[in-house]
Amino acid sequence: MRKTTFLLPILVVVVVTLLSAVFVVDEREKALVLQFGQIKAVKEEPGLAFKIPIIQEVVKYDDRILSLDTETIEVTPSDDRRLVVDAFARYRISDVVQFRQAVGVGGIRAAEDRLSSVLNAQIREVLGADQVTSDTILSEDRRELMTRIRDQARISARGLGLDVVDVRLKQTNLPAQNLEATFARMRAEREREAADEIARGNEAAQRVRALADRTVTETLSEAEREAQVIRGEADAERNRIFAEAFGEDEEFFAFYRSLQAYENALSGGNSTMVMTPDSQFFDYFKNERAQGGAVAGQ
């Protein structure tokens, strides 16, 4: 009985010691076996692993792609228009040994602080380059800029044992104090473009009106010419008919022309004519019978 009582605690201690020597590495993790702060083993494959109890400890790090949001900073492109920029990055621990040596016991928090500084430095460097303007940053060309930031940040992050997978610019806005001036400049530019369009429209309208006036003038001139030709032909035809009529019967032609003269002379209501009775104008108004009777009476 005493022997059993003595062996039971020893058995418990042995079991606890054996259990503390076994640890599990998840497929989403990488593990380091440390002995007095020194790296003794690297466990990157998932499954069971062993360590020396009490003397050795296990530190695990996430092997998945992680996300980091940077702080908002101001950058000044080559056109001196300041922009408020923040970004986010995707990264993963590529070399767990180098990562441990670089950040020590600080772990992921310390690594992200240093990575954030690297990203901000690269954002300032790339967006502040000589050929980069605010319009470039706000246009579709920002894809190329983000690629450059990622590539340069990747080089700097290798010393931390990190691999920068991607970098994206989230916010690229003007500072609040510059918005009103920028909007005023945009309004002035749009008003200038509108004035140019109005001027071009007025110029086009003047050309259309001038063309229309010229067309009207040419049309009227052509119509007047054709009318003159027609009137000339009509007058010629009339004169020909008169000539033929005169040749056929001179007395009738004289009678007809006299009737026209009477009509033109006596058409006005206030017309007054003073003539002698024996004027030739009234030849066709004379009554031969009356004249004959007067001669016989005489």
C-alpha atoms as a PDB file:
ATOM      1  CA  MET A   1       0.000   0.000   0.000  1.00  0.00           C
ATOM      2  CA  ARG A   2       2.856   2.345   0.880  1.00  0.00           C
ATOM      3  CA  LYS A   3       4.600   1.439  -2.391  1.00  0.00           C
ATOM      4  CA  THR A   4       1.526   2.309  -4.444  1.00  0.00           C
ATOM      5  CA  THR A   5       1.163   5.611  -2.628  1.00  0.00           C
ATOM      6  CA  PHE A   6       4.794   6.428  -3.410  1.00  0.00           C
ATOM      7  CA  LEU A   7       4.669   5.441  -7.111  1.00  0.00           C
ATOM      8  CA  LEU A   8       1.445   7.284  -7.978  1.00  0.00           C
ATOM      9  CA  PRO A   9       2.841  10.830  -7.713  1.00  0.00           C
ATOM     10  CA  ILE A  10       5.913   9.743  -9.651  1.00  0.00           C
ATOM     11  CA  LEU A  11       3.687   8.334 -12.391  1.00  0.00           C
ATOM     12  CA  VAL A  12       1.685  11.556 -12.534  1.00  0.00           C
ATOM     13  CA  VAL A  13       4.868  13.602 -12.827  1.00  0.00           C
ATOM     14  CA  VAL A  14       6.126  11.350 -15.615  1.00  0.00           C
ATOM     15  CA  VAL A  15       2.858  11.596 -17.539  1.00  0.00           C
ATOM     16  CA  VAL A  16       2.756  15.386 -17.158  1.00  0.00           C
ATOM     17  CA  THR A  17       6.380  15.611 -18.275  1.00  0.00           C
ATOM     18  CA  LEU A  18       5.729  13.472 -21.336  1.00  0.00           C
ATOM     19  CA  LEU A  19       2.676  15.507 -22.242  1.00  0.00           C
ATOM     20  CA  SER A  20       4.596  18.753 -21.905  1.00  0.00           C
ATOM     21  CA  ALA A  21       7.198  17.366 -24.294  1.00  0.00           C
ATOM     22  CA  VAL A  22       4.616  16.967 -27.063  1.00  0.00           C
ATOM     23  CA  PHE A  23       3.126  19.867 -29.024  1.00  0.00           C
ATOM     24  CA  VAL A  24       1.020  20.164 -32.165  1.00  0.00           C
ATOM     25  CA  VAL A  25       1.898  22.318 -35.160  1.00  0.00           C
ATOM     26  CA  ASP A  26      -1.205  23.505 -37.006  1.00  0.00           C
ATOM     27  CA  GLU A  27      -1.147  23.715 -40.813  1.00  0.00           C
ATOM     28  CA  ARG A  28      -1.699  27.473 -40.519  1.00  0.00           C
ATOM     29  CA  GLU A  29       1.324  27.959 -38.254  1.00  0.00           C
ATOM     30  CA  LYS A  30       5.071  27.769 -38.046  1.00  0.00           C
ATOM     31  CA  ALA A  31       6.786  26.931 -34.773  1.00  0.00           C
ATOM     32  CA  LEU A  32      10.198  27.594 -33.240  1.00  0.00           C
ATOM     33  CA  VAL A  33      11.673  25.503 -30.442  1.00  0.00           C
ATOM     34  CA  LEU A  34      13.667  27.797 -28.172  1.00  0.00           C
ATOM     35  CA  GLN A  35      16.151  26.873 -25.466  1.00  0.00           C
ATOM     36  CA  PHE A  36      17.161  29.747 -23.214  1.00  0.00           C
ATOM     37  CA  GLY A  37      16.137  32.147 -25.995  1.00  0.00           C
ATOM     38  CA  GLN A  38      18.165  30.394 -28.662  1.00  0.00           C
ATOM     39  CA  ILE A  39      16.508  28.719 -31.660  1.00  0.00           C
ATOM     40  CA  LYS A  40      17.024  24.965 -31.530  1.00  0.00           C
ATOM     41  CA  ALA A  41      14.504  23.703 -34.077  1.00  0.00           C
ATOM     42  CA  VAL A  42      12.094  24.951 -36.734  1.00  0.00           C
ATOM     43  CA  LYS A  43       8.803  23.162 -37.208  1.00  0.00           C
ATOM     44  CA  GLU A  44       7.065  24.152 -40.449  1.00  0.00           C
ATOM     45  CA  GLU A  45       5.268  20.902 -41.232  1.00  0.00           C
ATOM     46  CA  PRO A  46       1.913  20.279 -39.537  1.00  0.00           C
ATOM     47  CA  GLY A  47       1.622  17.442 -37.033  1.00  0.00           C
ATOM     48  CA  LEU A  48       3.085  16.317 -33.693  1.00  0.00           C
ATOM     49  CA  ALA A  49       6.510  17.510 -32.561  1.00  0.00           C
ATOM     50  CA  PHE A  50       8.605  17.118 -29.424  1.00  0.00           C
ATOM     51  CA  LYS A  51      10.693  19.319 -27.182  1.00  0.00           C
ATOM     52  CA  ILE A  52      12.591  18.956 -23.969  1.00  0.00           C
ATOM     53  CA  PRO A  53      10.213  19.765 -21.113  1.00  0.00           C
ATOM     54  CA  ILE A  54      10.935  22.732 -18.883  1.00  0.00           C
ATOM     55  CA  ILE A  55      14.192  23.565 -20.669  1.00  0.00           C
ATOM     56  CA  GLN A  56      12.708  24.261 -24.088  1.00  0.00           C
ATOM     57  CA  GLU A  57       9.690  26.341 -25.086  1.00  0.00           C
ATOM     58  CA  VAL A  58       7.670  26.634 -28.297  1.00  0.00           C
ATOM     59  CA  VAL A  59       6.772  29.906 -30.047  1.00  0.00           C
ATOM     60  CA  LYS A  60       4.228  29.782 -32.870  1.00  0.00           C
ATOM     61  CA  TYR A  61       3.687  32.284 -35.668  1.00  0.00           C
ATOM     62  CA  ASP A  62       0.839  32.619 -38.144  1.00  0.00           C
ATOM     63  CA  ASP A  63       1.768  31.258 -41.595  1.00  0.00           C
ATOM     64  CA  ARG A  64      -1.228  32.814 -43.388  1.00  0.00           C
ATOM     65  CA  ILE A  65      -1.326  36.032 -45.416  1.00  0.00           C
ATOM     66  CA  LEU A  66      -1.909  38.869 -42.951  1.00  0.00           C
ATOM     67  CA  SER A  67      -3.294  42.379 -43.428  1.00  0.00           C
ATOM     68  CA  LEU A  68      -1.853  45.693 -42.266  1.00  0.00           C
ATOM     69  CA  ASP A  69      -3.473  49.140 -42.521  1.00  0.00           C
ATOM     70  CA  THR A  70      -1.033  52.037 -42.542  1.00  0.00           C
ATOM     71  CA  GLU A  71      -1.555  55.378 -40.856  1.00  0.00           C
ATOM     72  CA  THR A  72      -2.779  58.361 -42.886  1.00  0.00           C
ATOM     73  CA  ILE A  73       0.089  60.517 -44.135  1.00  0.00           C
ATOM     74  CA  GLU A  74       0.447  63.568 -46.384  1.00  0.00           C
ATOM     75  CA  VAL A  75       2.541  63.384 -49.540  1.00  0.00           C
ATOM     76  CA  THR A  76       3.579  66.159 -51.920  1.00  0.00           C
ATOM     77  CA  PRO A  77       3.776  65.144 -55.611  1.00  0.00           C
ATOM     78  CA  SER A  78       5.839  67.038 -58.159  1.00  0.00           C
ATOM     79  CA  ASP A  79       3.031  69.566 -58.829  1.00  0.00           C
ATOM     80  CA  ASP A  80       3.042  70.620 -55.127  1.00  0.00           C
ATOM     81  CA  ARG A  81      -0.589  69.619 -54.555  1.00  0.00           C
ATOM     82  CA  ARG A  82      -0.561  67.830 -51.222  1.00  0.00           C
ATOM     83  CA  LEU A  83      -2.567  64.635 -50.875  1.00  0.00           C
ATOM     84  CA  VAL A  84      -3.765  62.657 -47.877  1.00  0.00           C
ATOM     85  CA  VAL A  85      -2.852  59.013 -48.456  1.00  0.00           C
ATOM     86  CA  ASP A  86      -3.293  55.791 -46.555  1.00  0.00           C
ATOM     87  CA  ALA A  87      -2.783  52.225 -47.717  1.00  0.00           C
ATOM     88  CA  PHE A  88      -3.099  48.611 -46.713  1.00  0.00           C
ATOM     89  CA  ALA A  89      -0.678  45.765 -47.305  1.00  0.00           C
ATOM     90  CA  ARG A  90      -0.877  41.985 -47.478  1.00  0.00           C
ATOM     91  CA  TYR A  91       2.140  40.164 -46.115  1.00  0.00           C
ATOM     92  CA  ARG A  92       3.260  36.827 -44.681  1.00  0.00           C
ATOM     93  CA  ILE A  93       6.156  35.503 -42.633  1.00  0.00           C
ATOM     94  CA  SER A  94       8.469  33.940 -45.208  1.00  0.00           C
ATOM     95  CA  ASP A  95      11.494  33.178 -42.975  1.00  0.00           C
ATOM     96  CA  VAL A  96      10.448  32.446 -39.424  1.00  0.00           C
ATOM     97  CA  VAL A  97      14.044  32.253 -38.112  1.00  0.00           C
ATOM     98  CA  GLN A  98      14.981  35.643 -39.552  1.00  0.00           C
ATOM     99  CA  PHE A  99      11.655  37.032 -38.335  1.00  0.00           C
ATOM    100  CA  ARG A 100      12.431  35.928 -34.757  1.00  0.00           C
ATOM    101  CA  GLN A 101      15.921  37.358 -34.916  1.00  0.00           C
ATOM    102  CA  ALA A 102      14.630  40.677 -36.278  1.00  0.00           C
ATOM    103  CA  VAL A 103      11.718  41.348 -33.926  1.00  0.00           C
ATOM    104  CA  GLY A 104      12.636  39.227 -30.907  1.00  0.00           C
ATOM    105  CA  VAL A 105       9.900  38.811 -28.341  1.00  0.00           C
ATOM    106  CA  GLY A 106       7.914  41.676 -29.868  1.00  0.00           C
ATOM    107  CA  GLY A 107       6.341  39.276 -32.349  1.00  0.00           C
ATOM    108  CA  ILE A 108       3.725  40.379 -34.889  1.00  0.00           C
ATOM    109  CA  ARG A 109       3.055  43.745 -33.224  1.00  0.00           C
ATOM    110  CA  ALA A 110       6.682  44.832 -33.433  1.00  0.00           C
ATOM    111  CA  ALA A 111       6.968  43.520 -36.997  1.00  0.00           C
ATOM    112  CA  GLU A 112       3.892  45.467 -38.123  1.00  0.00           C
ATOM    113  CA  ASP A 113       5.198  48.668 -36.562  1.00  0.00           C
ATOM    114  CA  ARG A 114       8.452  48.333 -38.493  1.00  0.00           C
ATOM    115  CA  LEU A 115       6.655  47.252 -41.678  1.00  0.00           C
ATOM    116  CA  SER A 116       4.324  50.249 -41.417  1.00  0.00           C
ATOM    117  CA  SER A 117       7.342  52.556 -41.257  1.00  0.00           C
ATOM    118  CA  VAL A 118       8.789  50.847 -44.328  1.00  0.00           C
ATOM    119  CA  LEU A 119       5.534  51.247 -46.263  1.00  0.00           C
ATOM    120  CA  ASN A 120       5.142  54.918 -45.353  1.00  0.00           C
ATOM    121  CA  ALA A 121       8.709  55.625 -46.424  1.00  0.00           C
ATOM    122  CA  GLN A 122       8.183  53.898 -49.771  1.00  0.00           C
ATOM    123  CA  ILE A 123       4.836  55.673 -50.309  1.00  0.00           C
ATOM    124  CA  ARG A 124       6.514  59.043 -49.774  1.00  0.00           C
ATOM    125  CA  GLU A 125       9.401  58.116 -52.041  1.00  0.00           C
ATOM    126  CA  VAL A 126       7.301  56.781 -54.935  1.00  0.00           C
ATOM    127  CA  LEU A 127       4.507  59.362 -54.836  1.00  0.00           C
ATOM    128  CA  GLY A 128       6.976  62.208 -54.355  1.00  0.00           C
ATOM    129  CA  ALA A 129       9.084  61.300 -57.398  1.00  0.00           C
ATOM    130  CA  ASP A 130       9.838  63.982 -60.015  1.00  0.00           C
ATOM    131  CA  GLN A 131       7.516  62.675 -62.737  1.00  0.00           C
ATOM    132  CA  VAL A 132       4.594  61.811 -60.458  1.00  0.00           C
ATOM    133  CA  THR A 133       1.806  64.417 -60.259  1.00  0.00           C
ATOM    134  CA  SER A 134      -1.415  64.456 -58.269  1.00  0.00           C
ATOM    135  CA  ASP A 135      -3.327  63.748 -61.486  1.00  0.00           C
ATOM    136  CA  THR A 136      -1.219  60.619 -61.990  1.00  0.00           C
ATOM    137  CA  ILE A 137      -1.967  59.443 -58.451  1.00  0.00           C
ATOM    138  CA  LEU A 138      -5.704  60.043 -58.892  1.00  0.00           C
ATOM    139  CA  SER A 139      -5.856  58.355 -62.311  1.00  0.00           C
ATOM    140  CA  GLU A 140      -5.657  54.736 -63.421  1.00  0.00           C
ATOM    141  CA  ASP A 141      -1.847  55.030 -63.480  1.00  0.00           C
ATOM    142  CA  ARG A 142      -1.906  54.537 -59.705  1.00  0.00           C
ATOM    143  CA  ARG A 143      -1.770  50.779 -60.380  1.00  0.00           C
ATOM    144  CA  GLU A 144       1.784  51.149 -61.588  1.00  0.00           C
ATOM    145  CA  LEU A 145       2.605  53.305 -58.569  1.00  0.00           C
ATOM    146  CA  MET A 146       1.214  50.687 -56.166  1.00  0.00           C
ATOM    147  CA  THR A 147       3.298  48.016 -57.885  1.00  0.00           C
ATOM    148  CA  ARG A 148       6.432  50.121 -57.421  1.00  0.00           C
ATOM    149  CA  ILE A 149       5.617  50.664 -53.751  1.00  0.00           C
ATOM    150  CA  ARG A 150       5.108  46.926 -53.251  1.00  0.00           C
ATOM    151  CA  ASP A 151       8.360  45.967 -54.992  1.00  0.00           C
ATOM    152  CA  GLN A 152      10.454  48.454 -53.026  1.00  0.00           C
ATOM    153  CA  ALA A 153       8.751  47.587 -49.737  1.00  0.00           C
ATOM    154  CA  ARG A 154       9.336  43.894 -50.435  1.00  0.00           C
ATOM    155  CA  ILE A 155      13.073  44.480 -50.682  1.00  0.00           C
ATOM    156  CA  SER A 156      13.152  46.379 -47.381  1.00  0.00           C
ATOM    157  CA  ALA A 157      10.913  43.845 -45.613  1.00  0.00           C
ATOM    158  CA  ARG A 158      13.163  40.883 -46.397  1.00  0.00           C
ATOM    159  CA  GLY A 159      15.376  41.854 -43.498  1.00  0.00           C
ATOM    160  CA  LEU A 160      12.374  41.258 -41.218  1.00  0.00           C
ATOM    161  CA  GLY A 161      11.732  37.814 -42.666  1.00  0.00           C
ATOM    162  CA  LEU A 162       8.540  39.117 -44.293  1.00  0.00           C
ATOM    163  CA  ASP A 163       7.251  38.874 -47.851  1.00  0.00           C
ATOM    164  CA  VAL A 164       5.038  41.785 -48.954  1.00  0.00           C
ATOM    165  CA  VAL A 165       2.404  40.219 -51.197  1.00  0.00           C
ATOM    166  CA  ASP A 166       0.466  43.322 -52.206  1.00  0.00           C
ATOM    167  CA  VAL A 167       0.065  47.034 -51.456  1.00  0.00           C
ATOM    168  CA  ARG A 168      -3.048  49.073 -52.230  1.00  0.00           C
ATOM    169  CA  LEU A 169      -3.762  52.780 -51.834  1.00  0.00           C
ATOM    170  CA  LYS A 170      -7.091  53.193 -50.052  1.00  0.00           C
ATOM    171  CA  GLN A 171      -7.447  56.966 -49.774  1.00  0.00           C
ATOM    172  CA  THR A 172      -5.911  59.617 -52.012  1.00  0.00           C
ATOM    173  CA  ASN A 173      -7.711  62.855 -51.169  1.00  0.00           C
ATOM    174  CA  LEU A 174      -6.834  66.503 -50.900  1.00  0.00           C
ATOM    175  CA  PRO A 175      -6.406  67.976 -47.409  1.00  0.00           C
ATOM    176  CA  ALA A 176      -9.476  69.805 -46.134  1.00  0.00           C
ATOM    177  CA  GLN A 177      -7.770  73.210 -46.295  1.00  0.00           C
ATOM    178  CA  ASN A 178      -6.966  72.705 -49.985  1.00  0.00           C
ATOM    179  CA  LEU A 179     -10.367  71.491 -51.124  1.00  0.00           C
ATOM    180  CA  GLU A 180     -11.949  74.933 -51.582  1.00  0.00           C
ATOM    181  CA  ALA A 181      -9.010  76.261 -53.602  1.00  0.00           C
ATOM    182  CA  THR A 182      -8.992  73.133 -55.717  1.00  0.00           C
ATOM    183  CA  PHE A 183     -12.727  73.336 -56.340  1.00  0.00           C
ATOM    184  CA  ALA A 184     -12.392  77.018 -57.292  1.00  0.00           C
ATOM    185  CA  ARG A 185      -9.636  76.132 -59.749  1.00  0.00           C
ATOM    186  CA  MET A 186     -11.759  73.328 -61.182  1.00  0.00           C
ATOM    187  CA  ARG A 187     -14.742  75.686 -61.558  1.00  0.00           C
ATOM    188  CA  ALA A 188     -12.575  78.287 -63.300  1.00  0.00           C
ATOM    189  CA  GLU A 189     -11.247  75.646 -65.652  1.00  0.00           C
ATOM    190  CA  ARG A 190     -14.725  74.371 -66.457  1.00  0.00           C
ATOM    191  CA  GLU A 191     -15.988  77.937 -67.023  1.00  0.00           C
ATOM    192  CA  ARG A 192     -13.084  78.574 -69.386  1.00  0.00           C
ATOM    193  CA  GLU A 193     -13.897  75.386 -71.288  1.00  0.00           C
ATOM    194  CA  ALA A 194     -17.576  76.439 -71.438  1.00  0.00           C
ATOM    195  CA  ALA A 195     -16.604  79.879 -72.765  1.00  0.00           C
ATOM    196  CA  ASP A 196     -14.431  78.230 -75.419  1.00  0.00           C
ATOM    197  CA  GLU A 197     -17.312  75.987 -76.437  1.00  0.00           C
ATOM    198  CA  ILE A 198     -19.692  78.965 -76.619  1.00  0.00           C
ATOM    199  CA  ALA A 199     -17.200  80.902 -78.742  1.00  0.00           C
ATOM    200  CA  ARG A 200     -16.769  77.944 -81.086  1.00  0.00           C
ATOM    201  CA  GLY A 201     -20.569  77.600 -81.278  1.00  0.00           C
ATOM    202  CA  ASN A 202     -21.008  81.282 -82.112  1.00  0.00           C
ATOM    203  CA  GLU A 203     -18.332  81.020 -84.780  1.00  0.00           C
ATOM    204  CA  ALA A 204     -20.057  78.008 -86.310  1.00  0.00           C
ATOM    205  CA  ALA A 205     -23.413  79.844 -86.172  1.00  0.00           C
ATOM    206  CA  GLN A 206     -21.875  82.832 -87.969  1.00  0.00           C
ATOM    207  CA  ARG A 207     -20.542  80.547 -90.684  1.00  0.00           C
ATOM    208  CA  VAL A 208     -23.951  78.912 -91.090  1.00  0.00           C
ATOM    209  CA  ARG A 209     -25.738  82.273 -91.238  1.00  0.00           C
ATOM    210  CA  ALA A 210     -23.221  83.643 -93.735  1.00  0.00           C
ATOM    211  CA  LEU A 211     -23.630  80.559 -95.899  1.00  0.00           C
ATOM    212  CA  ALA A 212     -27.425  80.863 -95.670  1.00  0.00           C
ATOM    213  CA  ASP A 213     -27.323  84.575 -96.591  1.00  0.00           C
ATOM    214  CA  ARG A 214     -25.074  83.866 -99.543  1.00  0.00           C
ATOM    215  CA  THR A 215     -27.368  81.058-100.669  1.00  0.00           C
ATOM    216  CA  VAL A 216     -30.397  83.376-100.404  1.00  0.00           C
ATOM    217  CA  THR A 217     -28.610  86.108-102.357  1.00  0.00           C
ATOM    218  CA  GLU A 218     -27.522  83.695-105.055  1.00  0.00           C
ATOM    219  CA  THR A 219     -31.010  82.184-105.257  1.00  0.00           C
ATOM    220  CA  LEU A 220     -32.662  85.614-105.530  1.00  0.00           C
ATOM    221  CA  SER A 221     -30.138  86.727-108.138  1.00  0.00           C
ATOM    222  CA  GLU A 222     -30.713  83.618-110.186  1.00  0.00           C
ATOM    223  CA  ALA A 223     -34.489  84.009-109.888  1.00  0.00           C
ATOM    224  CA  GLU A 224     -34.275  87.693-110.873  1.00  0.00           C
ATOM    225  CA  ARG A 225     -32.114  86.822-113.860  1.00  0.00           C
ATOM    226  CA  GLU A 226     -34.527  84.136-114.979  1.00  0.00           C
ATOM    227  CA  ALA A 227     -37.451  86.586-114.451  1.00  0.00           C
ATOM    228  CA  GLN A 228     -35.705  89.217-116.554  1.00  0.00           C
ATOM    229  CA  VAL A 229     -35.112  86.659-119.285  1.00  0.00           C
ATOM    230  CA  ILE A 230     -38.754  85.580-119.178  1.00  0.00           C
ATOM    231  CA  ARG A 231     -39.963  89.198-119.201  1.00  0.00           C
ATOM    232  CA  GLY A 232     -37.669  89.960-122.119  1.00  0.00           C
ATOM    233  CA  GLU A 233     -38.936  86.960-124.040  1.00  0.00           C
ATOM    234  CA  ALA A 234     -42.545  87.950-123.214  1.00  0.00           C
ATOM    235  CA  ASP A 235     -41.944  91.522-124.362  1.00  0.00           C
ATOM    236  CA  ALA A 236     -40.377  90.258-127.542  1.00  0.00           C
ATOM    237  CA  GLU A 237     -43.319  87.960-128.113  1.00  0.00           C
ATOM    238  CA  ARG A 238     -45.764  90.805-127.416  1.00  0.00           C
ATOM    239  CA  ASN A 239     -43.964  93.117-129.820  1.00  0.00           C
ATOM    240  CA  ARG A 240     -43.973  90.378-132.435  1.00  0.00           C
ATOM    241  CA  ILE A 241     -47.721  89.942-132.031  1.00  0.00           C
ATOM    242  CA  PHE A 242     -48.233  93.708-132.214  1.00  0.00           C
ATOM    243  CA  ALA A 243     -46.127  93.870-135.341  1.00  0.00           C
ATOM    244  CA  GLU A 244     -48.089  91.078-136.944  1.00  0.00           C
ATOM    245  CA  ALA A 245     -51.378  92.727-135.926  1.00  0.00           C
ATOM    246  CA  PHE A 246     -50.220  96.049-137.351  1.00  0.00           C
ATOM    247  CA  GLY A 247     -49.264  94.338-140.579  1.00  0.00           C
ATOM    248  CA  GLU A 248     -52.628  92.594-140.831  1.00  0.00           C
ATOM    249  CA  ASP A 249     -54.874  95.635-140.112  1.00  0.00           C
ATOM    250  CA  GLU A 250     -53.346  99.002-139.434  1.00  0.00           C
ATOM    251  CA  GLU A 251     -56.711 100.622-138.680  1.00  0.00           C
ATOM    252  CA  PHE A 252     -57.640  98.027-136.069  1.00  0.00           C
ATOM    253  CA  PHE A 253     -54.193  98.278-134.482  1.00  0.00           C
ATOM    254  CA  ALA A 254     -54.553 102.041-134.211  1.00  0.00           C
ATOM    255  CA  PHE A 255     -58.016 101.582-132.694  1.00  0.00           C
ATOM    256  CA  TYR A 256     -56.687  99.085-130.128  1.00  0.00           C
ATOM    257  CA  ARG A 257     -53.801 101.314-129.092  1.00  0.00           C
ATOM    258  CA  SER A 258     -56.160 104.258-128.732  1.00  0.00           C
ATOM    259  CA  LEU A 259     -58.400 102.241-126.418  1.00  0.00           C
ATOM    260  CA  GLN A 260     -55.361 101.424-124.266  1.00  0.00           C
ATOM    261  CA  ALA A 261     -54.440 105.087-124.175  1.00  0.00           C
ATOM    262  CA  TYR A 262     -57.994 106.004-123.127  1.00  0.00           C
ATOM    263  CA  GLU A 263     -57.934 103.413-120.359  1.00  0.00           C
ATOM    264  CA  ASN A 264     -54.608 104.620-118.967  1.00  0.00           C
ATOM    265  CA  ALA A 265     -55.519 108.305-119.228  1.00  0.00           C
ATOM    266  CA  LEU A 266     -58.991 108.067-117.714  1.00  0.00           C
ATOM    267  CA  SER A 267     -58.389 105.444-115.013  1.00  0.00           C
ATOM    268  CA  GLY A 268     -57.671 107.939-112.189  1.00  0.00           C
ATOM    269  CA  GLY A 269     -60.634 109.447-110.330  1.00  0.00           C
ATOM    270  CA  ASN A 270     -59.014 112.884-110.094  1.00  0.00           C
ATOM    271  CA  SER A 271     -57.505 113.006-113.588  1.00  0.00           C
ATOM    272  CA  THR A 272     -58.029 116.237-115.540  1.00  0.00           C
ATOM    273  CA  MET A 273     -57.159 116.756-119.204  1.00  0.00           C
ATOM    274  CA  VAL A 274     -57.462 119.997-121.163  1.00  0.00           C
ATOM    275  CA  MET A 275     -57.458 119.548-124.966  1.00  0.00           C
ATOM    276  CA  THR A 276     -58.885 121.223-128.038  1.00  0.00           C
ATOM    277  CA  PRO A 277     -61.939 119.601-129.565  1.00  0.00           C
ATOM    278  CA  ASP A 278     -60.143 118.773-132.740  1.00  0.00           C
ATOM    279  CA  SER A 279     -57.333 116.905-130.954  1.00  0.00           C
ATOM    280  CA  GLN A 280     -56.388 113.591-132.534  1.00  0.00           C
ATOM    281  CA  PHE A 281     -56.594 111.930-129.100  1.00  0.00           C
ATOM    282  CA  PHE A 282     -60.411 111.900-129.390  1.00  0.00           C
ATOM    283  CA  ASP A 283     -60.628 110.710-132.998  1.00  0.00           C
ATOM    284  CA  TYR A 284     -62.581 107.584-131.980  1.00  0.00           C
ATOM    285  CA  PHE A 285     -64.995 109.567-129.780  1.00  0.00           C
ATOM    286  CA  LYS A 286     -66.292 111.719-132.646  1.00  0.00           C
ATOM    287  CA  ASN A 287     -69.742 111.075-134.092  1.00  0.00           C
ATOM    288  CA  GLU A 288     -69.621 111.216-137.881  1.00  0.00           C
ATOM    289  CA  ARG A 289     -73.461 111.677-138.128  1.00  0.00           C
ATOM    290  CA  ALA A 290     -73.357 114.652-135.806  1.00  0.00           C
ATOM    291  CA  GLN A 291     -70.545 116.132-137.792  1.00  0.00           C
ATOM    292  CA  GLY A 292     -72.385 115.547-141.077  1.00  0.00           C
ATOM    293  CA  GLY A 293     -75.617 117.201-139.783  1.00  0.00           C
ATOM    294  CA  ALA A 294     -73.733 120.205-138.611  1.00  0.00           C
ATOM    295  CA  VAL A 295     -72.065 120.614-142.001  1.00  0.00           C
ATOM    296  CA  ALA A 296     -75.448 120.363-143.834  1.00  0.00           C
ATOM    297  CA  GLY A 297     -77.027 122.985-141.567  1.00  0.00           C
ATOM    298  CA  GLN A 298     -74.206 125.286-142.259  1.00  0.00           C
END
